[in-house]
Amino acid sequence: MNRRDVLRSGTVATTGLGFGVLGAASPASSAPRPPGRLLRVHTVLYDGVEEQDFAGPVETFGIVPHDQHPIKQSFVTADGPRTVTTAAGIDIAVRTPWSPRSADMIVVPGGGLGPGSAVAEEIRRGVLPKALADAADRPGMIIASVCTGALLLAAAKITAGRPCTTHHAAVKLLEAQGGKIVAARVVDDGNLITSGGVTSGIDLALWLIERFYGPQTALYTEQVLEYERRGTVWRSR
């Protein structure tokens, strides 16, 4: 049996112990995303990307009951299908082409900070920032970042003049490139959602699940993860 199925069964079984009804779909009137509508999430990888930055959101989105709220997740690179080597030296085969028109949301994880970091190398090459800038122009596209992934968005001019956040060590760099820093764990500015360092990617995904599918689904996901959300979610009006 799939591990998530075991966890889901165990979590739902606790409803008689005072945890409430879990896994129930939110009422359509309160769910910003219509029930049953596919959400297509493309997570950007590149050489030197930090594993936790992308694994947190991927795992969190993967727990959502897909029979109620279907989510299709794909890894992509700005260079097209290839093998990416992460910060810890893990090789990941990326098979999905770069295709923003086939995505509803693009998640950009971080990859270190400072000269010689993976993020610095991607900014120097310019391929990924340009691809992100072009993708952000598509109507309806949501761009999200984890940790220093926000610096890649800054290089693409996506965060300029907008509320945003990143790892605390990169805040001054993000601000110097025009970002309006908000001291929050997750900053939601409509079609741009940024989050703080490393593990904040889990909080980012949980907030997006609440935004798309309502608090019941977010609570269910949180309990399966055995994770309690941290910090503040700041949301623009």
Protein backbone atom coordinates (compact mmCIF):
# COMPACT_ATOMS: atom_id res chain seq x y z
CA MET A 1 0.00 0.00 0.00
CA ASN A 2 1.17 3.51 -0.75
CA ARG A 3 2.66 5.24 2.31
CA ARG A 4 0.36 8.23 1.87
CA ASP A 5 -2.66 5.94 1.83
CA VAL A 6 -1.57 4.48 5.17
CA LEU A 7 -1.08 7.94 6.63
CA ARG A 8 -4.41 9.15 5.28
CA SER A 9 -6.21 6.15 6.76
CA GLY A 10 -4.58 6.74 10.13
CA THR A 11 -5.36 10.43 10.10
CA VAL A 12 -8.99 9.98 9.14
CA ALA A 13 -9.32 7.32 11.86
CA THR A 14 -8.47 9.94 14.49
CA THR A 15 -11.61 11.95 13.74
CA GLY A 16 -13.37 10.18 16.59
CA LEU A 17 -10.71 11.44 18.99
CA GLY A 18 -11.62 15.09 18.65
CA PHE A 19 -9.47 16.11 15.71
CA GLY A 20 -12.45 17.03 13.52
CA VAL A 21 -13.44 15.80 10.10
CA LEU A 22 -10.36 15.60 7.90
CA GLY A 23 -9.98 15.24 4.18
CA ALA A 24 -13.42 16.64 3.46
CA ALA A 25 -13.64 18.93 0.48
CA SER A 26 -14.18 22.58 1.31
CA PRO A 27 -17.55 24.03 0.27
CA ALA A 28 -17.42 25.27 -3.30
CA SER A 29 -18.50 28.70 -2.12
CA SER A 30 -15.35 29.09 -0.01
CA ALA A 31 -12.88 27.33 -2.29
CA PRO A 32 -11.08 29.74 -4.63
CA ARG A 33 -10.35 26.85 -7.01
CA PRO A 34 -13.32 24.83 -8.31
CA PRO A 35 -13.32 21.26 -6.94
CA GLY A 36 -12.05 18.75 -9.48
CA ARG A 37 -10.14 21.30 -11.56
CA LEU A 38 -6.58 20.15 -12.25
CA LEU A 39 -3.76 22.22 -10.75
CA ARG A 40 -0.54 21.91 -12.78
CA VAL A 41 2.58 22.67 -10.74
CA HIS A 42 6.00 22.91 -12.39
CA THR A 43 8.94 22.87 -9.98
CA VAL A 44 12.13 24.34 -11.44
CA LEU A 45 15.36 22.42 -10.93
CA TYR A 46 18.93 23.38 -11.80
CA ASP A 47 22.38 22.12 -10.87
CA GLY A 48 23.11 22.80 -7.21
CA VAL A 49 19.46 23.31 -6.20
CA GLU A 50 18.80 22.69 -2.49
CA GLU A 51 16.87 19.46 -1.91
CA GLN A 52 14.68 20.61 0.98
CA ASP A 53 13.64 23.72 -0.92
CA PHE A 54 11.85 21.68 -3.56
CA ALA A 55 11.15 18.46 -1.64
CA GLY A 56 9.05 20.28 0.97
CA PRO A 57 6.47 21.67 -1.47
CA VAL A 58 6.48 18.54 -3.65
CA GLU A 59 5.76 16.27 -0.68
CA THR A 60 3.12 18.63 0.72
CA PHE A 61 1.21 18.97 -2.56
CA GLY A 62 1.45 15.21 -2.95
CA ILE A 63 -0.58 14.62 0.21
CA VAL A 64 -3.65 16.53 -0.97
CA PRO A 65 -6.46 14.04 -1.76
CA HIS A 66 -6.20 14.04 -5.54
CA ASP A 67 -9.58 12.44 -6.06
CA GLN A 68 -11.07 15.70 -4.76
CA HIS A 69 -8.37 18.18 -5.77
CA PRO A 70 -6.25 16.80 -8.62
CA ILE A 71 -2.70 18.12 -8.75
CA LYS A 72 -0.17 17.21 -11.43
CA GLN A 73 3.43 17.92 -10.45
CA SER A 74 6.37 18.02 -12.82
CA PHE A 75 10.05 18.88 -12.61
CA VAL A 76 11.32 21.23 -15.31
CA THR A 77 14.55 23.00 -16.23
CA ALA A 78 14.96 26.12 -18.34
CA ASP A 79 17.26 24.06 -20.60
CA GLY A 80 14.69 21.35 -21.27
CA PRO A 81 14.79 17.67 -20.29
CA ARG A 82 18.13 16.64 -18.77
CA THR A 83 19.72 15.25 -15.61
CA VAL A 84 20.12 17.74 -12.76
CA THR A 85 22.62 17.26 -9.93
CA THR A 86 21.39 18.70 -6.63
CA ALA A 87 23.44 20.36 -3.87
CA ALA A 88 23.94 16.98 -2.17
CA GLY A 89 25.04 15.32 -5.41
CA ILE A 90 21.78 13.52 -6.15
CA ASP A 91 21.04 13.07 -9.85
CA ILE A 92 17.43 13.72 -10.91
CA ALA A 93 16.18 12.98 -14.41
CA VAL A 94 13.94 15.82 -15.58
CA ARG A 95 11.71 14.61 -18.42
CA THR A 96 9.15 17.39 -18.81
CA PRO A 97 9.94 20.16 -21.32
CA TRP A 98 9.97 23.79 -20.23
CA SER A 99 6.36 24.71 -21.03
CA PRO A 100 4.79 27.55 -18.99
CA ARG A 101 1.63 27.30 -21.10
CA SER A 102 1.15 23.83 -19.60
CA ALA A 103 1.44 25.08 -16.00
CA ASP A 104 -0.76 26.98 -13.58
CA MET A 105 2.05 27.58 -11.12
CA ILE A 106 5.85 27.59 -11.24
CA VAL A 107 7.77 26.97 -8.00
CA VAL A 108 11.38 28.18 -7.87
CA PRO A 109 13.54 26.70 -5.07
CA GLY A 110 16.79 28.17 -3.83
CA GLY A 111 20.36 27.06 -4.33
CA GLY A 112 22.74 28.69 -1.89
CA LEU A 113 23.85 32.28 -1.57
CA GLY A 114 26.81 34.37 -2.61
CA PRO A 115 29.61 34.00 -5.19
CA GLY A 116 29.94 30.48 -6.51
CA SER A 117 26.46 29.40 -5.41
CA ALA A 118 24.06 27.65 -7.75
CA VAL A 119 21.75 30.68 -7.70
CA ALA A 120 24.63 33.01 -8.57
CA GLU A 121 25.58 30.74 -11.47
CA GLU A 122 22.02 30.69 -12.82
CA ILE A 123 21.84 34.47 -12.59
CA ARG A 124 25.19 34.73 -14.42
CA ARG A 125 24.01 32.41 -17.20
CA GLY A 126 20.77 34.34 -17.56
CA VAL A 127 18.81 31.49 -19.14
CA LEU A 128 16.55 30.76 -16.17
CA PRO A 129 15.80 34.41 -15.23
CA LYS A 130 14.80 35.12 -18.84
CA ALA A 131 12.61 32.02 -18.98
CA LEU A 132 10.94 33.01 -15.70
CA ALA A 133 10.36 36.58 -16.90
CA ASP A 134 8.65 35.28 -20.02
CA ALA A 135 6.57 32.77 -18.03
CA ALA A 136 5.39 35.45 -15.60
CA ASP A 137 3.78 37.33 -18.49
CA ARG A 138 1.30 34.51 -19.13
CA PRO A 139 -2.19 35.48 -17.86
CA GLY A 140 -3.19 33.47 -14.81
CA MET A 141 0.32 32.22 -14.04
CA ILE A 142 1.32 32.03 -10.38
CA ILE A 143 5.03 32.28 -9.55
CA ALA A 144 6.24 31.04 -6.16
CA SER A 145 9.68 30.84 -4.59
CA VAL A 146 11.38 29.18 -1.67
CA CYS A 147 14.43 30.62 0.09
CA THR A 148 16.99 32.16 -2.31
CA GLY A 149 14.81 31.19 -5.24
CA ALA A 150 13.48 34.72 -4.75
CA LEU A 151 16.82 36.06 -6.02
CA LEU A 152 16.17 34.28 -9.32
CA LEU A 153 12.81 36.02 -9.46
CA ALA A 154 14.54 39.31 -8.70
CA ALA A 155 16.95 38.70 -11.58
CA ALA A 156 13.87 38.22 -13.76
CA LYS A 157 12.45 41.57 -12.48
CA ILE A 158 9.44 39.74 -11.07
CA THR A 159 9.82 40.95 -7.47
CA ALA A 160 10.66 44.58 -8.31
CA GLY A 161 8.36 46.93 -6.42
CA ARG A 162 6.38 44.06 -4.92
CA PRO A 163 6.02 42.63 -1.39
CA CYS A 164 8.27 39.59 -1.02
CA THR A 165 10.56 37.66 1.30
CA THR A 166 13.48 35.21 1.24
CA HIS A 167 16.03 33.57 3.54
CA HIS A 168 17.08 36.07 6.21
CA ALA A 169 20.67 36.07 4.91
CA ALA A 170 19.49 37.17 1.46
CA VAL A 171 17.01 39.88 2.48
CA LYS A 172 19.35 42.79 1.78
CA LEU A 173 20.17 41.45 -1.67
CA LEU A 174 16.50 41.06 -2.52
CA GLU A 175 15.74 44.54 -1.24
CA ALA A 176 18.65 46.03 -3.21
CA GLN A 177 17.04 44.64 -6.37
CA GLY A 178 13.77 46.43 -5.71
CA GLY A 179 11.82 43.95 -3.61
CA LYS A 180 9.61 45.36 -0.85
CA ILE A 181 10.64 43.11 2.03
CA VAL A 182 7.95 41.83 4.37
CA ALA A 183 9.12 40.11 7.56
CA ALA A 184 6.80 37.13 7.20
CA ARG A 185 7.23 33.41 6.68
CA VAL A 186 5.11 33.51 3.52
CA VAL A 187 4.23 36.60 1.49
CA ASP A 188 1.25 36.33 -0.86
CA ASP A 189 0.94 39.14 -3.38
CA GLY A 190 -1.64 37.54 -5.62
CA ASN A 191 0.19 35.90 -8.49
CA LEU A 192 3.54 36.16 -6.67
CA ILE A 193 4.07 34.12 -3.51
CA THR A 194 7.47 34.04 -1.81
CA SER A 195 8.66 32.29 1.34
CA GLY A 196 11.59 32.41 3.74
CA GLY A 197 14.42 29.95 4.16
CA VAL A 198 14.56 26.22 3.46
CA THR A 199 11.75 24.58 5.50
CA SER A 200 9.43 27.50 4.75
CA GLY A 201 8.67 25.71 1.49
CA ILE A 202 6.37 23.44 3.49
CA ASP A 203 4.56 26.48 4.90
CA LEU A 204 4.34 27.94 1.39
CA ALA A 205 2.64 24.82 0.07
CA LEU A 206 0.30 24.56 3.05
CA TRP A 207 -0.77 28.16 2.57
CA LEU A 208 -1.38 27.60 -1.13
CA ILE A 209 -3.45 24.51 -0.32
CA GLU A 210 -5.54 26.61 2.07
CA ARG A 211 -5.86 29.37 -0.53
CA PHE A 212 -6.89 26.98 -3.30
CA TYR A 213 -8.85 24.34 -1.39
CA GLY A 214 -9.76 25.77 2.01
CA PRO A 215 -8.59 25.28 5.62
CA GLN A 216 -10.00 21.77 6.04
CA THR A 217 -7.78 20.40 3.27
CA ALA A 218 -4.80 22.34 4.63
CA LEU A 219 -5.42 20.97 8.12
CA TYR A 220 -5.68 17.44 6.76
CA THR A 221 -2.37 17.83 4.90
CA GLU A 222 -0.70 19.32 7.96
CA GLN A 223 -1.79 16.42 10.15
CA VAL A 224 -0.61 13.80 7.68
CA LEU A 225 2.77 15.55 7.60
CA GLU A 226 2.77 15.81 11.42
CA TYR A 227 3.94 19.37 10.89
CA GLU A 228 2.68 22.57 12.48
CA ARG A 229 2.86 25.69 10.37
CA ARG A 230 5.23 28.40 11.55
CA GLY A 231 5.35 32.15 11.26
CA THR A 232 2.99 34.59 9.62
CA VAL A 233 1.38 34.52 6.21
CA TRP A 234 1.15 38.08 4.91
CA ARG A 235 -1.38 38.63 2.16
CA SER A 236 -1.94 41.76 0.10
CA ARG A 237 -5.47 43.04 -0.23
